[in-house]
Amino acid sequence: MKFLSVDVGGTFIKHAAISDSAEIIRQGKIPTPKTNRADFFAAIEKLYRADNFAGIGISLPGIIDAERGVCVASVALPYNNGCNIVAELEKICGTRVAIENDANCAALAEAKIGSLADVSDGFVMVFGTSIGGAFIKNHKIHRGKNNLAGEIAFTSSGEKIFHDVGSVPALLKMYAQIKNLSSEITGENFFRAVDEKENDALFCLDKFARRIAEKIFNIQMVIDAEKFAIGGGISAQKSFIAAIRLNLAKIYDERPINFPSVEVVPCRFRNDANLIGAFLVARA
C-alpha cells in the first residue's frame, strides 16, 4: 500500500509515492498553478491518477483547519482561501484526502520518526521562501484556538515582521546588497563563500543567525521546550546550524540569570519533512 504525498509551495508542488512504512519510493515536482483553484485541483488529480494510491496527504502553506479540511487563509495561494479542499478533492479523486499546514507537517514528521521523536515538547522552524513554525506539545501538534500556534513568520522582529528578515531570501538579499550585486545570489553560492571564510558572507550569516537565535530564545521563554528542530534546505548547511547555536549561547550568556539552554538540532528529514508529514496525516 502506498500514498500520494503532496507538498504545495508557492513555486513548486513536490510530490512523492510513499510506502506504508514511510519509505519514499519516488518523488518529483511540478509548477504550482498560479491561475485558479480548478487548475490546482486538476494538477493534484493528475498526480493521483498516475498510480494506484490508497489516499492523498497534502502539505499546504497558510492557516489550515485540518479537522474541517479547510484552507482558512493563504498568502501564497489566495485562490484556496475559505475552500474545503478535502471535500472538493475527495469528490474529484474518489479517495480519502487529508490536509495540514506545511510547518505542522514537518513537525509531525520530526515528532513521530525524526529528530524530536525522543522528546515530549519541541518546536520546529522551517526556513525557505518564508518561515514556518510548529509547536509539539505532548507529542502532538498544538494548534491554538484559531489554528495560529506557531505562525512565527508574522511575529515582530524590530520594526519588521520575521518573514522580512528571517527568510532565506532575506539572507541572500542582505549579502547581495553588501556585495553590491545586481543579479540574484543563490544559496549554494552564498554558503560556498561561507565555507571559503569570506568576511562579508560570514558577517551576513552571523547577523542572520542572531535574529533566529533571538526568536528561539523568546519562544523558549514562553513554552520551555526540550528541543528546537531547524528544517528547510538550508538546514543541511552545518555552518548555519553552528551559527544559530553560537548566537543562542551568547544570548544565554548575556542574561542575568543562568537559564538552562535549549538544544538546537537539524530536522532529520530536511527538505522531505513536509512530504513525510503529509504522508503521516494521510495514513492516520
C-alpha atoms as a PDB file:
ATOM      1  CA  MET A   1       0.000   0.000   0.000  1.00  0.00           C
ATOM      2  CA  LYS A   2       1.303   3.452  -0.890  1.00  0.00           C
ATOM      3  CA  PHE A   3       0.093   7.011  -0.528  1.00  0.00           C
ATOM      4  CA  LEU A   4       0.395  10.133  -2.635  1.00  0.00           C
ATOM      5  CA  SER A   5       2.135  12.783  -0.576  1.00  0.00           C
ATOM      6  CA  VAL A   6       1.981  16.366  -1.846  1.00  0.00           C
ATOM      7  CA  ASP A   7       3.924  19.370  -0.573  1.00  0.00           C
ATOM      8  CA  VAL A   8       2.471  22.545  -2.057  1.00  0.00           C
ATOM      9  CA  GLY A   9       4.729  25.580  -2.240  1.00  0.00           C
ATOM     10  CA  GLY A  10       4.377  28.969  -3.856  1.00  0.00           C
ATOM     11  CA  THR A  11       6.589  27.937  -6.796  1.00  0.00           C
ATOM     12  CA  PHE A  12       6.505  24.148  -6.991  1.00  0.00           C
ATOM     13  CA  ILE A  13       4.343  21.233  -5.908  1.00  0.00           C
ATOM     14  CA  LYS A  14       6.623  18.478  -4.673  1.00  0.00           C
ATOM     15  CA  HIS A  15       5.058  15.025  -4.759  1.00  0.00           C
ATOM     16  CA  ALA A  16       6.060  11.529  -3.707  1.00  0.00           C
ATOM     17  CA  ALA A  17       4.812   7.979  -3.598  1.00  0.00           C
ATOM     18  CA  ILE A  18       5.418   6.821  -0.035  1.00  0.00           C
ATOM     19  CA  SER A  19       5.052   3.274   1.245  1.00  0.00           C
ATOM     20  CA  ASP A  20       3.134   2.344   4.363  1.00  0.00           C
ATOM     21  CA  SER A  21       6.475   2.097   6.180  1.00  0.00           C
ATOM     22  CA  ALA A  22       7.265   5.773   5.386  1.00  0.00           C
ATOM     23  CA  GLU A  23       9.776   4.966   2.631  1.00  0.00           C
ATOM     24  CA  ILE A  24       9.860   7.396  -0.313  1.00  0.00           C
ATOM     25  CA  ILE A  25       9.507   5.197  -3.399  1.00  0.00           C
ATOM     26  CA  ARG A  26       9.887   8.012  -5.909  1.00  0.00           C
ATOM     27  CA  GLN A  27       9.381  11.760  -5.988  1.00  0.00           C
ATOM     28  CA  GLY A  28       9.281  14.752  -8.295  1.00  0.00           C
ATOM     29  CA  LYS A  29       7.914  18.252  -8.647  1.00  0.00           C
ATOM     30  CA  ILE A  30       5.678  20.273 -10.928  1.00  0.00           C
ATOM     31  CA  PRO A  31       4.998  24.035 -11.149  1.00  0.00           C
ATOM     32  CA  THR A  32       2.343  25.286  -8.747  1.00  0.00           C
ATOM     33  CA  PRO A  33      -0.661  26.616 -10.696  1.00  0.00           C
ATOM     34  CA  LYS A  34      -0.947  30.382 -10.212  1.00  0.00           C
ATOM     35  CA  THR A  35      -4.240  30.728 -12.060  1.00  0.00           C
ATOM     36  CA  ASN A  36      -7.177  29.354 -10.105  1.00  0.00           C
ATOM     37  CA  ARG A  37      -8.453  26.608  -7.837  1.00  0.00           C
ATOM     38  CA  ALA A  38      -9.722  24.446 -10.696  1.00  0.00           C
ATOM     39  CA  ASP A  39      -6.242  24.233 -12.189  1.00  0.00           C
ATOM     40  CA  PHE A  40      -4.817  23.442  -8.758  1.00  0.00           C
ATOM     41  CA  PHE A  41      -7.276  20.584  -8.264  1.00  0.00           C
ATOM     42  CA  ALA A  42      -6.585  19.308 -11.785  1.00  0.00           C
ATOM     43  CA  ALA A  43      -2.854  19.161 -11.015  1.00  0.00           C
ATOM     44  CA  ILE A  44      -3.468  17.120  -7.851  1.00  0.00           C
ATOM     45  CA  GLU A  45      -5.887  14.794  -9.646  1.00  0.00           C
ATOM     46  CA  LYS A  46      -3.345  14.133 -12.411  1.00  0.00           C
ATOM     47  CA  LEU A  47      -0.757  13.121  -9.831  1.00  0.00           C
ATOM     48  CA  TYR A  48      -3.268  10.828  -8.141  1.00  0.00           C
ATOM     49  CA  ARG A  49      -4.381   9.134 -11.377  1.00  0.00           C
ATOM     50  CA  ALA A  50      -0.790   8.284 -12.275  1.00  0.00           C
ATOM     51  CA  ASP A  51      -0.680   5.344  -9.845  1.00  0.00           C
ATOM     52  CA  ASN A  52      -2.730   3.192  -7.502  1.00  0.00           C
ATOM     53  CA  PHE A  53      -2.724   5.194  -4.268  1.00  0.00           C
ATOM     54  CA  ALA A  54      -4.556   4.404  -1.036  1.00  0.00           C
ATOM     55  CA  GLY A  55      -5.058   8.094  -0.262  1.00  0.00           C
ATOM     56  CA  ILE A  56      -3.688  11.613  -0.548  1.00  0.00           C
ATOM     57  CA  GLY A  57      -1.936  13.724   2.063  1.00  0.00           C
ATOM     58  CA  ILE A  58      -1.317  17.396   1.322  1.00  0.00           C
ATOM     59  CA  SER A  59       1.018  19.877   2.998  1.00  0.00           C
ATOM     60  CA  LEU A  60      -0.225  23.428   2.430  1.00  0.00           C
ATOM     61  CA  PRO A  61       1.069  26.924   3.222  1.00  0.00           C
ATOM     62  CA  GLY A  62      -1.222  29.181   5.231  1.00  0.00           C
ATOM     63  CA  ILE A  63      -3.673  28.865   8.087  1.00  0.00           C
ATOM     64  CA  ILE A  64      -5.182  25.394   7.771  1.00  0.00           C
ATOM     65  CA  ASP A  65      -8.121  23.947   9.691  1.00  0.00           C
ATOM     66  CA  ALA A  66      -7.056  20.327   9.296  1.00  0.00           C
ATOM     67  CA  GLU A  67     -10.027  18.947  11.216  1.00  0.00           C
ATOM     68  CA  ARG A  68     -12.556  20.506   8.818  1.00  0.00           C
ATOM     69  CA  GLY A  69     -10.297  20.215   5.768  1.00  0.00           C
ATOM     70  CA  VAL A  70     -10.435  23.961   5.088  1.00  0.00           C
ATOM     71  CA  CYS A  71      -7.770  26.403   3.951  1.00  0.00           C
ATOM     72  CA  VAL A  72      -8.680  29.385   6.122  1.00  0.00           C
ATOM     73  CA  ALA A  73      -6.152  31.797   4.610  1.00  0.00           C
ATOM     74  CA  SER A  74      -3.095  31.561   2.397  1.00  0.00           C
ATOM     75  CA  VAL A  75      -0.870  34.377   1.180  1.00  0.00           C
ATOM     76  CA  ALA A  76       0.901  32.086  -1.278  1.00  0.00           C
ATOM     77  CA  LEU A  77      -2.267  30.644  -2.878  1.00  0.00           C
ATOM     78  CA  PRO A  78      -5.171  33.009  -2.182  1.00  0.00           C
ATOM     79  CA  TYR A  79      -7.496  31.181  -4.578  1.00  0.00           C
ATOM     80  CA  ASN A  80      -7.779  28.461  -1.910  1.00  0.00           C
ATOM     81  CA  ASN A  81      -8.935  30.851   0.810  1.00  0.00           C
ATOM     82  CA  GLY A  82     -12.092  29.558   2.501  1.00  0.00           C
ATOM     83  CA  CYS A  83     -12.184  26.383   0.419  1.00  0.00           C
ATOM     84  CA  ASN A  84     -12.924  22.955   1.862  1.00  0.00           C
ATOM     85  CA  ILE A  85     -10.099  21.351  -0.053  1.00  0.00           C
ATOM     86  CA  VAL A  86     -10.662  17.908   1.433  1.00  0.00           C
ATOM     87  CA  ALA A  87     -14.332  17.758   0.436  1.00  0.00           C
ATOM     88  CA  GLU A  88     -13.648  19.014  -3.085  1.00  0.00           C
ATOM     89  CA  LEU A  89     -10.712  16.717  -3.803  1.00  0.00           C
ATOM     90  CA  GLU A  90     -12.456  13.677  -2.339  1.00  0.00           C
ATOM     91  CA  LYS A  91     -15.275  14.265  -4.836  1.00  0.00           C
ATOM     92  CA  ILE A  92     -12.834  14.625  -7.714  1.00  0.00           C
ATOM     93  CA  CYS A  93     -10.492  11.755  -6.875  1.00  0.00           C
ATOM     94  CA  GLY A  94     -12.811   9.368  -5.048  1.00  0.00           C
ATOM     95  CA  THR A  95     -10.298   8.657  -2.285  1.00  0.00           C
ATOM     96  CA  ARG A  96      -9.532   9.799   1.232  1.00  0.00           C
ATOM     97  CA  VAL A  97      -7.770  13.184   1.388  1.00  0.00           C
ATOM     98  CA  ALA A  98      -6.136  14.824   4.402  1.00  0.00           C
ATOM     99  CA  ILE A  99      -4.531  18.271   4.599  1.00  0.00           C
ATOM    100  CA  GLU A 100      -2.282  20.015   7.094  1.00  0.00           C
ATOM    101  CA  ASN A 101      -0.259  23.216   7.408  1.00  0.00           C
ATOM    102  CA  ASP A 102       3.222  22.788   5.912  1.00  0.00           C
ATOM    103  CA  ALA A 103       5.155  23.550   9.097  1.00  0.00           C
ATOM    104  CA  ASN A 104       2.846  21.263  11.056  1.00  0.00           C
ATOM    105  CA  CYS A 105       3.603  18.516   8.531  1.00  0.00           C
ATOM    106  CA  ALA A 106       7.322  18.981   9.104  1.00  0.00           C
ATOM    107  CA  ALA A 107       6.768  18.937  12.856  1.00  0.00           C
ATOM    108  CA  LEU A 108       4.690  15.744  12.670  1.00  0.00           C
ATOM    109  CA  ALA A 109       7.413  14.003  10.692  1.00  0.00           C
ATOM    110  CA  GLU A 110      10.065  15.053  13.188  1.00  0.00           C
ATOM    111  CA  ALA A 111       7.915  14.288  16.246  1.00  0.00           C
ATOM    112  CA  LYS A 112       6.878  10.828  15.084  1.00  0.00           C
ATOM    113  CA  ILE A 113      10.011   9.432  13.461  1.00  0.00           C
ATOM    114  CA  GLY A 114      12.540  12.268  13.292  1.00  0.00           C
ATOM    115  CA  SER A 115      14.734  14.472  15.438  1.00  0.00           C
ATOM    116  CA  LEU A 116      12.002  15.191  18.021  1.00  0.00           C
ATOM    117  CA  ALA A 117      10.876  11.583  18.482  1.00  0.00           C
ATOM    118  CA  ASP A 118      12.733  11.362  21.798  1.00  0.00           C
ATOM    119  CA  VAL A 119      11.091  14.409  23.416  1.00  0.00           C
ATOM    120  CA  SER A 120       7.608  15.307  24.595  1.00  0.00           C
ATOM    121  CA  ASP A 121       7.725  19.040  23.805  1.00  0.00           C
ATOM    122  CA  GLY A 122       9.553  20.649  20.901  1.00  0.00           C
ATOM    123  CA  PHE A 123       9.396  23.382  18.325  1.00  0.00           C
ATOM    124  CA  VAL A 124      10.106  23.192  14.595  1.00  0.00           C
ATOM    125  CA  MET A 125      11.268  26.140  12.486  1.00  0.00           C
ATOM    126  CA  VAL A 126      11.340  25.645   8.713  1.00  0.00           C
ATOM    127  CA  PHE A 127      13.312  28.143   6.625  1.00  0.00           C
ATOM    128  CA  GLY A 128      12.590  28.699   2.960  1.00  0.00           C
ATOM    129  CA  THR A 129      10.786  31.388   0.965  1.00  0.00           C
ATOM    130  CA  SER A 130       9.206  32.279   4.300  1.00  0.00           C
ATOM    131  CA  ILE A 131       9.442  30.764   7.779  1.00  0.00           C
ATOM    132  CA  GLY A 132       7.152  28.094   9.148  1.00  0.00           C
ATOM    133  CA  GLY A 133       6.772  27.231  12.803  1.00  0.00           C
ATOM    134  CA  ALA A 134       5.038  24.480  14.749  1.00  0.00           C
ATOM    135  CA  PHE A 135       4.785  23.631  18.432  1.00  0.00           C
ATOM    136  CA  ILE A 136       4.803  19.995  19.539  1.00  0.00           C
ATOM    137  CA  LYS A 137       3.174  19.519  22.962  1.00  0.00           C
ATOM    138  CA  ASN A 138       2.951  16.045  24.486  1.00  0.00           C
ATOM    139  CA  HIS A 139       3.982  14.538  21.124  1.00  0.00           C
ATOM    140  CA  LYS A 140       1.096  16.284  19.320  1.00  0.00           C
ATOM    141  CA  ILE A 141       0.659  19.479  17.298  1.00  0.00           C
ATOM    142  CA  HIS A 142      -0.556  22.328  19.482  1.00  0.00           C
ATOM    143  CA  ARG A 143      -2.815  24.338  17.171  1.00  0.00           C
ATOM    144  CA  GLY A 144      -4.354  27.012  19.382  1.00  0.00           C
ATOM    145  CA  LYS A 145      -7.910  28.320  19.278  1.00  0.00           C
ATOM    146  CA  ASN A 146      -7.650  29.712  15.732  1.00  0.00           C
ATOM    147  CA  ASN A 147      -5.025  27.340  14.263  1.00  0.00           C
ATOM    148  CA  LEU A 148      -2.428  30.104  14.637  1.00  0.00           C
ATOM    149  CA  ALA A 149       0.028  28.478  17.044  1.00  0.00           C
ATOM    150  CA  GLY A 150       3.498  28.501  15.552  1.00  0.00           C
ATOM    151  CA  GLU A 151       2.884  31.240  12.954  1.00  0.00           C
ATOM    152  CA  ILE A 152       6.213  32.905  13.672  1.00  0.00           C
ATOM    153  CA  ALA A 153       6.577  34.489  10.217  1.00  0.00           C
ATOM    154  CA  PHE A 154       4.176  37.241  11.248  1.00  0.00           C
ATOM    155  CA  THR A 155       5.728  37.974  14.651  1.00  0.00           C
ATOM    156  CA  SER A 156       7.613  41.216  15.147  1.00  0.00           C
ATOM    157  CA  SER A 157      11.349  41.443  14.590  1.00  0.00           C
ATOM    158  CA  GLY A 158      12.341  45.017  15.247  1.00  0.00           C
ATOM    159  CA  GLU A 159      10.240  47.242  13.000  1.00  0.00           C
ATOM    160  CA  LYS A 160       9.583  44.437  10.534  1.00  0.00           C
ATOM    161  CA  ILE A 161       7.935  41.041  10.662  1.00  0.00           C
ATOM    162  CA  PHE A 162      10.108  37.948  10.993  1.00  0.00           C
ATOM    163  CA  HIS A 163       9.334  36.883   7.402  1.00  0.00           C
ATOM    164  CA  ASP A 164      11.065  40.025   6.128  1.00  0.00           C
ATOM    165  CA  VAL A 165      14.330  39.417   7.974  1.00  0.00           C
ATOM    166  CA  GLY A 166      14.382  35.695   8.810  1.00  0.00           C
ATOM    167  CA  SER A 167      13.616  34.002   5.491  1.00  0.00           C
ATOM    168  CA  VAL A 168      16.278  32.586   3.184  1.00  0.00           C
ATOM    169  CA  PRO A 169      15.617  35.295   0.535  1.00  0.00           C
ATOM    170  CA  ALA A 170      16.226  37.907   3.261  1.00  0.00           C
ATOM    171  CA  LEU A 171      19.649  36.392   3.965  1.00  0.00           C
ATOM    172  CA  LEU A 172      20.602  36.322   0.288  1.00  0.00           C
ATOM    173  CA  LYS A 173      19.321  39.869  -0.240  1.00  0.00           C
ATOM    174  CA  MET A 174      21.423  41.136   2.652  1.00  0.00           C
ATOM    175  CA  TYR A 175      24.526  39.529   1.161  1.00  0.00           C
ATOM    176  CA  ALA A 176      23.783  40.831  -2.358  1.00  0.00           C
ATOM    177  CA  GLN A 177      23.392  44.372  -1.034  1.00  0.00           C
ATOM    178  CA  ILE A 178      26.674  44.250   0.872  1.00  0.00           C
ATOM    179  CA  LYS A 179      28.470  42.883  -2.201  1.00  0.00           C
ATOM    180  CA  ASN A 180      26.653  45.376  -4.450  1.00  0.00           C
ATOM    181  CA  LEU A 181      25.463  42.550  -6.697  1.00  0.00           C
ATOM    182  CA  SER A 182      22.802  43.348  -9.285  1.00  0.00           C
ATOM    183  CA  SER A 183      21.989  39.700 -10.041  1.00  0.00           C
ATOM    184  CA  GLU A 184      20.369  37.257  -7.643  1.00  0.00           C
ATOM    185  CA  ILE A 185      22.640  35.215  -5.410  1.00  0.00           C
ATOM    186  CA  THR A 186      21.876  31.533  -4.829  1.00  0.00           C
ATOM    187  CA  GLY A 187      22.060  29.740  -1.524  1.00  0.00           C
ATOM    188  CA  GLU A 188      24.738  27.466  -2.940  1.00  0.00           C
ATOM    189  CA  ASN A 189      26.926  30.435  -3.883  1.00  0.00           C
ATOM    190  CA  PHE A 190      26.395  32.108  -0.527  1.00  0.00           C
ATOM    191  CA  PHE A 191      27.389  29.067   1.514  1.00  0.00           C
ATOM    192  CA  ARG A 192      30.349  28.443  -0.772  1.00  0.00           C
ATOM    193  CA  ALA A 193      31.518  31.908   0.237  1.00  0.00           C
ATOM    194  CA  VAL A 194      30.899  30.996   3.891  1.00  0.00           C
ATOM    195  CA  ASP A 195      32.957  27.818   3.521  1.00  0.00           C
ATOM    196  CA  GLU A 196      35.752  29.900   1.960  1.00  0.00           C
ATOM    197  CA  LYS A 197      35.653  32.176   5.047  1.00  0.00           C
ATOM    198  CA  GLU A 198      34.764  35.288   3.042  1.00  0.00           C
ATOM    199  CA  ASN A 199      34.278  38.121   5.548  1.00  0.00           C
ATOM    200  CA  ASP A 200      31.071  39.559   4.042  1.00  0.00           C
ATOM    201  CA  ALA A 201      29.430  36.129   3.922  1.00  0.00           C
ATOM    202  CA  LEU A 202      30.451  35.355   7.497  1.00  0.00           C
ATOM    203  CA  PHE A 203      29.110  38.735   8.640  1.00  0.00           C
ATOM    204  CA  CYS A 204      25.735  38.126   6.971  1.00  0.00           C
ATOM    205  CA  LEU A 205      25.433  34.598   8.331  1.00  0.00           C
ATOM    206  CA  ASP A 206      26.206  35.766  11.862  1.00  0.00           C
ATOM    207  CA  LYS A 207      23.681  38.621  11.687  1.00  0.00           C
ATOM    208  CA  PHE A 208      21.032  36.309  10.218  1.00  0.00           C
ATOM    209  CA  ALA A 209      21.691  33.610  12.820  1.00  0.00           C
ATOM    210  CA  ARG A 210      21.471  36.197  15.619  1.00  0.00           C
ATOM    211  CA  ARG A 211      17.927  37.104  14.510  1.00  0.00           C
ATOM    212  CA  ILE A 212      16.934  33.449  14.547  1.00  0.00           C
ATOM    213  CA  ALA A 213      18.605  32.812  17.901  1.00  0.00           C
ATOM    214  CA  GLU A 214      16.729  35.754  19.426  1.00  0.00           C
ATOM    215  CA  LYS A 215      13.460  34.318  18.131  1.00  0.00           C
ATOM    216  CA  ILE A 216      14.305  30.887  19.545  1.00  0.00           C
ATOM    217  CA  PHE A 217      15.177  32.369  22.925  1.00  0.00           C
ATOM    218  CA  ASN A 218      11.957  34.398  23.083  1.00  0.00           C
ATOM    219  CA  ILE A 219       9.822  31.397  22.142  1.00  0.00           C
ATOM    220  CA  GLN A 220      11.686  29.237  24.639  1.00  0.00           C
ATOM    221  CA  MET A 221      10.965  31.675  27.462  1.00  0.00           C
ATOM    222  CA  VAL A 222       7.251  31.130  26.766  1.00  0.00           C
ATOM    223  CA  ILE A 223       6.984  27.399  26.015  1.00  0.00           C
ATOM    224  CA  ASP A 224      10.109  25.918  27.678  1.00  0.00           C
ATOM    225  CA  ALA A 225      10.506  23.172  25.059  1.00  0.00           C
ATOM    226  CA  GLU A 226      13.059  20.359  25.233  1.00  0.00           C
ATOM    227  CA  LYS A 227      14.429  20.821  21.729  1.00  0.00           C
ATOM    228  CA  PHE A 228      14.200  23.064  18.643  1.00  0.00           C
ATOM    229  CA  ALA A 229      14.499  21.429  15.223  1.00  0.00           C
ATOM    230  CA  ILE A 230      15.593  23.508  12.224  1.00  0.00           C
ATOM    231  CA  GLY A 231      14.289  22.493   8.796  1.00  0.00           C
ATOM    232  CA  GLY A 232      14.274  23.502   5.154  1.00  0.00           C
ATOM    233  CA  GLY A 233      17.036  23.002   2.616  1.00  0.00           C
ATOM    234  CA  ILE A 234      19.266  25.467   4.466  1.00  0.00           C
ATOM    235  CA  SER A 235      19.341  23.147   7.491  1.00  0.00           C
ATOM    236  CA  ALA A 236      21.711  20.866   5.572  1.00  0.00           C
ATOM    237  CA  GLN A 237      24.368  23.572   5.942  1.00  0.00           C
ATOM    238  CA  LYS A 238      26.382  22.740   9.070  1.00  0.00           C
ATOM    239  CA  SER A 239      27.626  26.321   9.248  1.00  0.00           C
ATOM    240  CA  PHE A 240      24.036  27.580   9.520  1.00  0.00           C
ATOM    241  CA  ILE A 241      23.172  25.332  12.458  1.00  0.00           C
ATOM    242  CA  ALA A 242      26.515  26.134  14.107  1.00  0.00           C
ATOM    243  CA  ALA A 243      25.898  29.891  13.759  1.00  0.00           C
ATOM    244  CA  ILE A 244      22.480  29.591  15.398  1.00  0.00           C
ATOM    245  CA  ARG A 245      23.923  27.581  18.292  1.00  0.00           C
ATOM    246  CA  LEU A 246      26.770  30.045  18.776  1.00  0.00           C
ATOM    247  CA  ASN A 247      24.483  33.087  18.829  1.00  0.00           C
ATOM    248  CA  LEU A 248      21.978  31.368  21.113  1.00  0.00           C
ATOM    249  CA  ALA A 249      24.777  30.582  23.563  1.00  0.00           C
ATOM    250  CA  LYS A 250      25.778  34.271  23.506  1.00  0.00           C
ATOM    251  CA  ILE A 251      22.199  35.310  24.296  1.00  0.00           C
ATOM    252  CA  TYR A 252      22.066  32.949  27.271  1.00  0.00           C
ATOM    253  CA  ASP A 253      25.382  34.366  28.488  1.00  0.00           C
ATOM    254  CA  GLU A 254      24.006  37.920  28.220  1.00  0.00           C
ATOM    255  CA  ARG A 255      21.102  37.199  30.591  1.00  0.00           C
ATOM    256  CA  PRO A 256      21.437  37.984  34.325  1.00  0.00           C
ATOM    257  CA  ILE A 257      20.102  34.519  35.254  1.00  0.00           C
ATOM    258  CA  ASN A 258      21.784  31.250  34.340  1.00  0.00           C
ATOM    259  CA  PHE A 259      18.886  29.696  32.410  1.00  0.00           C
ATOM    260  CA  PRO A 260      19.146  26.098  31.194  1.00  0.00           C
ATOM    261  CA  SER A 261      19.820  26.268  27.457  1.00  0.00           C
ATOM    262  CA  VAL A 262      17.636  24.557  24.871  1.00  0.00           C
ATOM    263  CA  GLU A 263      19.076  22.121  22.332  1.00  0.00           C
ATOM    264  CA  VAL A 264      19.010  23.097  18.641  1.00  0.00           C
ATOM    265  CA  VAL A 265      19.213  20.308  16.032  1.00  0.00           C
ATOM    266  CA  PRO A 266      18.635  19.977  12.279  1.00  0.00           C
ATOM    267  CA  CYS A 267      15.465  18.238  11.155  1.00  0.00           C
ATOM    268  CA  ARG A 268      16.125  14.624  10.206  1.00  0.00           C
ATOM    269  CA  PHE A 269      14.105  14.852   7.011  1.00  0.00           C
ATOM    270  CA  ARG A 270      15.158  18.363   5.964  1.00  0.00           C
ATOM    271  CA  ASN A 271      13.508  19.159   2.583  1.00  0.00           C
ATOM    272  CA  ASP A 272      11.429  15.974   2.698  1.00  0.00           C
ATOM    273  CA  ALA A 273       9.894  16.687   6.116  1.00  0.00           C
ATOM    274  CA  ASN A 274       6.698  18.160   4.644  1.00  0.00           C
ATOM    275  CA  LEU A 275       6.251  15.138   2.375  1.00  0.00           C
ATOM    276  CA  ILE A 276       6.746  12.691   5.240  1.00  0.00           C
ATOM    277  CA  GLY A 277       4.347  14.666   7.427  1.00  0.00           C
ATOM    278  CA  ALA A 278       1.694  14.788   4.688  1.00  0.00           C
ATOM    279  CA  PHE A 279       2.033  11.032   4.336  1.00  0.00           C
ATOM    280  CA  LEU A 280       1.501  10.611   8.104  1.00  0.00           C
ATOM    281  CA  VAL A 281      -1.734  12.633   8.071  1.00  0.00           C
ATOM    282  CA  ALA A 282      -2.944  10.604   5.072  1.00  0.00           C
ATOM    283  CA  ARG A 283      -2.163   7.299   6.766  1.00  0.00           C
ATOM    284  CA  ALA A 284      -3.712   8.254  10.120  1.00  0.00           C
END
